[in-house]
Amino acid sequence: QVQMVESGGGLVQAGQSLRLSCTVSGLQFDNYAMSWFRQAPGKEREGVSAITWNGGKAYYSDSVKGRFTISRDNNKKAVYLEMTNLKIEDTAMYYCAADRDHRGDGPFDASGYQFWGQGTQVTVSS
């Protein structure tokens, strides 16, 4: 049984930082590309950042480029999202996702991911 558990969310003020973690069990972690998506109330789920199976390549949406950093530790079966200079518009539920089959239309195509976590809430206040 695949389990993906996000943690690290919380309430912060604009300009502050948070580090999200996603720990995975029940799958061969180093076979999977991993991504972070987010969904704000009333908005569609959007891709934030993605990383290849070995960490060799990372992708970022334009809205977070330069502020967020994705990383992974295959030994710990975990993926991380370091978020700095947080903005009010970063407020959302953040989800990690795992993809082995690469059938999506790019790293931010949510339909291409096989497994998802339950999410962790990030709220940024002014």
C-alpha atoms as a PDB file:
ATOM      1  CA  GLN A   1       0.000   0.000   0.000  1.00  0.00           C
ATOM      2  CA  VAL A   2       1.399   3.328  -1.088  1.00  0.00           C
ATOM      3  CA  GLN A   3       1.481   6.064   1.497  1.00  0.00           C
ATOM      4  CA  MET A   4       2.593   9.625   0.896  1.00  0.00           C
ATOM      5  CA  VAL A   5       2.545  11.962   3.867  1.00  0.00           C
ATOM      6  CA  GLU A   6       3.185  15.684   3.600  1.00  0.00           C
ATOM      7  CA  SER A   7       4.247  17.800   6.549  1.00  0.00           C
ATOM      8  CA  GLY A   8       5.703  21.194   7.325  1.00  0.00           C
ATOM      9  CA  GLY A   9       2.831  23.434   6.388  1.00  0.00           C
ATOM     10  CA  GLY A  10       1.602  26.189   8.644  1.00  0.00           C
ATOM     11  CA  LEU A  11       0.739  29.837   9.067  1.00  0.00           C
ATOM     12  CA  VAL A  12       3.508  32.320   8.339  1.00  0.00           C
ATOM     13  CA  GLN A  13       3.802  35.978   7.496  1.00  0.00           C
ATOM     14  CA  ALA A  14       4.713  37.214   4.067  1.00  0.00           C
ATOM     15  CA  GLY A  15       8.446  37.122   3.508  1.00  0.00           C
ATOM     16  CA  GLN A  16       9.025  34.176   5.792  1.00  0.00           C
ATOM     17  CA  SER A  17      10.014  30.636   4.888  1.00  0.00           C
ATOM     18  CA  LEU A  18       8.703  27.104   5.234  1.00  0.00           C
ATOM     19  CA  ARG A  19      10.064  23.687   4.371  1.00  0.00           C
ATOM     20  CA  LEU A  20       7.632  21.036   3.255  1.00  0.00           C
ATOM     21  CA  SER A  21       8.426  17.348   3.433  1.00  0.00           C
ATOM     22  CA  CYS A  22       6.800  14.360   1.810  1.00  0.00           C
ATOM     23  CA  THR A  23       7.725  10.908   3.004  1.00  0.00           C
ATOM     24  CA  VAL A  24       6.806   7.928   0.864  1.00  0.00           C
ATOM     25  CA  SER A  25       6.357   4.238   1.524  1.00  0.00           C
ATOM     26  CA  GLY A  26       5.045   1.303  -0.442  1.00  0.00           C
ATOM     27  CA  LEU A  27       6.758   2.012  -3.749  1.00  0.00           C
ATOM     28  CA  GLN A  28      10.220   1.923  -5.285  1.00  0.00           C
ATOM     29  CA  PHE A  29      10.873   5.590  -4.598  1.00  0.00           C
ATOM     30  CA  ASP A  30      13.881   6.009  -6.862  1.00  0.00           C
ATOM     31  CA  ASN A  31      11.797   4.878  -9.841  1.00  0.00           C
ATOM     32  CA  TYR A  32       9.546   7.885  -9.503  1.00  0.00           C
ATOM     33  CA  ALA A  33       9.728  11.488 -10.490  1.00  0.00           C
ATOM     34  CA  MET A  34       8.239  13.600  -7.738  1.00  0.00           C
ATOM     35  CA  SER A  35       6.368  16.860  -7.813  1.00  0.00           C
ATOM     36  CA  TRP A  36       4.669  19.406  -5.643  1.00  0.00           C
ATOM     37  CA  PHE A  37       1.299  20.776  -6.639  1.00  0.00           C
ATOM     38  CA  ARG A  38      -0.895  23.266  -4.857  1.00  0.00           C
ATOM     39  CA  GLN A  39      -4.538  24.205  -4.876  1.00  0.00           C
ATOM     40  CA  ALA A  40      -6.036  27.370  -3.501  1.00  0.00           C
ATOM     41  CA  PRO A  41      -9.760  27.653  -2.739  1.00  0.00           C
ATOM     42  CA  GLY A  42     -11.724  28.160  -5.917  1.00  0.00           C
ATOM     43  CA  LYS A  43      -8.729  27.558  -8.128  1.00  0.00           C
ATOM     44  CA  GLU A  44      -7.438  24.641 -10.143  1.00  0.00           C
ATOM     45  CA  ARG A  45      -4.589  22.494  -8.921  1.00  0.00           C
ATOM     46  CA  GLU A  46      -1.315  23.807 -10.317  1.00  0.00           C
ATOM     47  CA  GLY A  47       2.148  22.374 -10.560  1.00  0.00           C
ATOM     48  CA  VAL A  48       4.722  24.159  -8.458  1.00  0.00           C
ATOM     49  CA  SER A  49       7.907  22.146  -8.762  1.00  0.00           C
ATOM     50  CA  ALA A  50       9.080  18.762  -9.988  1.00  0.00           C
ATOM     51  CA  ILE A  51      12.246  16.700  -9.748  1.00  0.00           C
ATOM     52  CA  THR A  52      13.493  13.726 -11.705  1.00  0.00           C
ATOM     53  CA  TRP A  53      14.061  10.325 -10.126  1.00  0.00           C
ATOM     54  CA  ASN A  54      17.726  10.983  -9.362  1.00  0.00           C
ATOM     55  CA  GLY A  55      17.418  14.673  -8.597  1.00  0.00           C
ATOM     56  CA  GLY A  56      19.300  15.528 -11.745  1.00  0.00           C
ATOM     57  CA  LYS A  57      16.757  17.982 -13.054  1.00  0.00           C
ATOM     58  CA  ALA A  58      14.273  20.256 -11.368  1.00  0.00           C
ATOM     59  CA  TYR A  59      11.385  22.258 -12.738  1.00  0.00           C
ATOM     60  CA  TYR A  60       9.641  25.288 -11.316  1.00  0.00           C
ATOM     61  CA  SER A  61       6.572  27.247 -12.227  1.00  0.00           C
ATOM     62  CA  ASP A  62       7.183  30.866 -13.088  1.00  0.00           C
ATOM     63  CA  SER A  63       5.337  31.965  -9.971  1.00  0.00           C
ATOM     64  CA  VAL A  64       7.827  30.300  -7.610  1.00  0.00           C
ATOM     65  CA  LYS A  65      11.057  30.305  -9.610  1.00  0.00           C
ATOM     66  CA  GLY A  66      13.857  31.809  -7.570  1.00  0.00           C
ATOM     67  CA  ARG A  67      11.960  31.417  -4.286  1.00  0.00           C
ATOM     68  CA  PHE A  68      11.288  27.673  -3.995  1.00  0.00           C
ATOM     69  CA  THR A  69      13.764  24.808  -4.136  1.00  0.00           C
ATOM     70  CA  ILE A  70      12.862  21.165  -4.560  1.00  0.00           C
ATOM     71  CA  SER A  71      15.117  18.340  -3.442  1.00  0.00           C
ATOM     72  CA  ARG A  72      14.907  14.656  -2.668  1.00  0.00           C
ATOM     73  CA  ASP A  73      16.640  12.030  -0.591  1.00  0.00           C
ATOM     74  CA  ASN A  74      16.182   8.611  -2.121  1.00  0.00           C
ATOM     75  CA  ASN A  75      17.666   6.906   0.918  1.00  0.00           C
ATOM     76  CA  LYS A  76      15.000   8.468   3.115  1.00  0.00           C
ATOM     77  CA  LYS A  77      12.305   8.165   0.450  1.00  0.00           C
ATOM     78  CA  ALA A  78      11.473  11.803   0.856  1.00  0.00           C
ATOM     79  CA  VAL A  79      11.020  14.905  -1.246  1.00  0.00           C
ATOM     80  CA  TYR A  80      11.255  18.421   0.076  1.00  0.00           C
ATOM     81  CA  LEU A  81      10.145  21.889  -0.931  1.00  0.00           C
ATOM     82  CA  GLU A  82      12.053  24.785   0.561  1.00  0.00           C
ATOM     83  CA  MET A  83       9.904  27.889   0.236  1.00  0.00           C
ATOM     84  CA  THR A  84      11.383  31.317   0.878  1.00  0.00           C
ATOM     85  CA  ASN A  85      10.065  34.847   0.581  1.00  0.00           C
ATOM     86  CA  LEU A  86       6.539  33.534   0.810  1.00  0.00           C
ATOM     87  CA  LYS A  87       3.756  35.633  -0.624  1.00  0.00           C
ATOM     88  CA  ILE A  88       0.079  35.807   0.222  1.00  0.00           C
ATOM     89  CA  GLU A  89      -0.684  34.243  -3.147  1.00  0.00           C
ATOM     90  CA  ASP A  90       1.286  31.143  -2.119  1.00  0.00           C
ATOM     91  CA  THR A  91      -1.544  30.289   0.276  1.00  0.00           C
ATOM     92  CA  ALA A  92      -2.871  26.873  -0.739  1.00  0.00           C
ATOM     93  CA  MET A  93      -3.012  23.196   0.087  1.00  0.00           C
ATOM     94  CA  TYR A  94       0.248  21.650  -1.078  1.00  0.00           C
ATOM     95  CA  TYR A  95       0.368  18.085  -2.366  1.00  0.00           C
ATOM     96  CA  CYS A  96       3.217  15.828  -3.323  1.00  0.00           C
ATOM     97  CA  ALA A  97       2.764  13.468  -6.239  1.00  0.00           C
ATOM     98  CA  ALA A  98       4.678  10.529  -7.701  1.00  0.00           C
ATOM     99  CA  ASP A  99       5.049   9.552 -11.356  1.00  0.00           C
ATOM    100  CA  ARG A 100       6.743   6.481 -12.787  1.00  0.00           C
ATOM    101  CA  ASP A 101       5.065   6.137 -16.150  1.00  0.00           C
ATOM    102  CA  HIS A 102       5.798   9.582 -17.641  1.00  0.00           C
ATOM    103  CA  ARG A 103       2.532   9.693 -19.563  1.00  0.00           C
ATOM    104  CA  GLY A 104       1.657  13.242 -18.598  1.00  0.00           C
ATOM    105  CA  ASP A 105       2.064  16.255 -20.820  1.00  0.00           C
ATOM    106  CA  GLY A 106       5.040  17.659 -18.973  1.00  0.00           C
ATOM    107  CA  PRO A 107       6.012  17.683 -15.297  1.00  0.00           C
ATOM    108  CA  PHE A 108       3.016  19.809 -14.272  1.00  0.00           C
ATOM    109  CA  ASP A 109       0.313  17.697 -15.862  1.00  0.00           C
ATOM    110  CA  ALA A 110      -1.512  16.394 -12.791  1.00  0.00           C
ATOM    111  CA  SER A 111      -3.193  13.630 -14.790  1.00  0.00           C
ATOM    112  CA  GLY A 112       0.214  12.045 -15.336  1.00  0.00           C
ATOM    113  CA  TYR A 113       0.790  11.249 -11.666  1.00  0.00           C
ATOM    114  CA  GLN A 114      -0.095   7.900 -10.187  1.00  0.00           C
ATOM    115  CA  PHE A 115       0.038   8.605  -6.468  1.00  0.00           C
ATOM    116  CA  TRP A 116      -0.834  11.612  -4.320  1.00  0.00           C
ATOM    117  CA  GLY A 117      -0.533  12.638  -0.724  1.00  0.00           C
ATOM    118  CA  GLN A 118      -3.325  14.151   1.363  1.00  0.00           C
ATOM    119  CA  GLY A 119      -1.804  17.603   1.419  1.00  0.00           C
ATOM    120  CA  THR A 120      -0.472  20.113   3.921  1.00  0.00           C
ATOM    121  CA  GLN A 121      -1.906  23.595   4.298  1.00  0.00           C
ATOM    122  CA  VAL A 122       0.265  26.661   3.791  1.00  0.00           C
ATOM    123  CA  THR A 123      -1.217  29.984   4.785  1.00  0.00           C
ATOM    124  CA  VAL A 124       0.655  33.232   4.275  1.00  0.00           C
ATOM    125  CA  SER A 125      -0.635  36.349   5.978  1.00  0.00           C
ATOM    126  CA  SER A 126       0.268  39.978   5.477  1.00  0.00           C
END
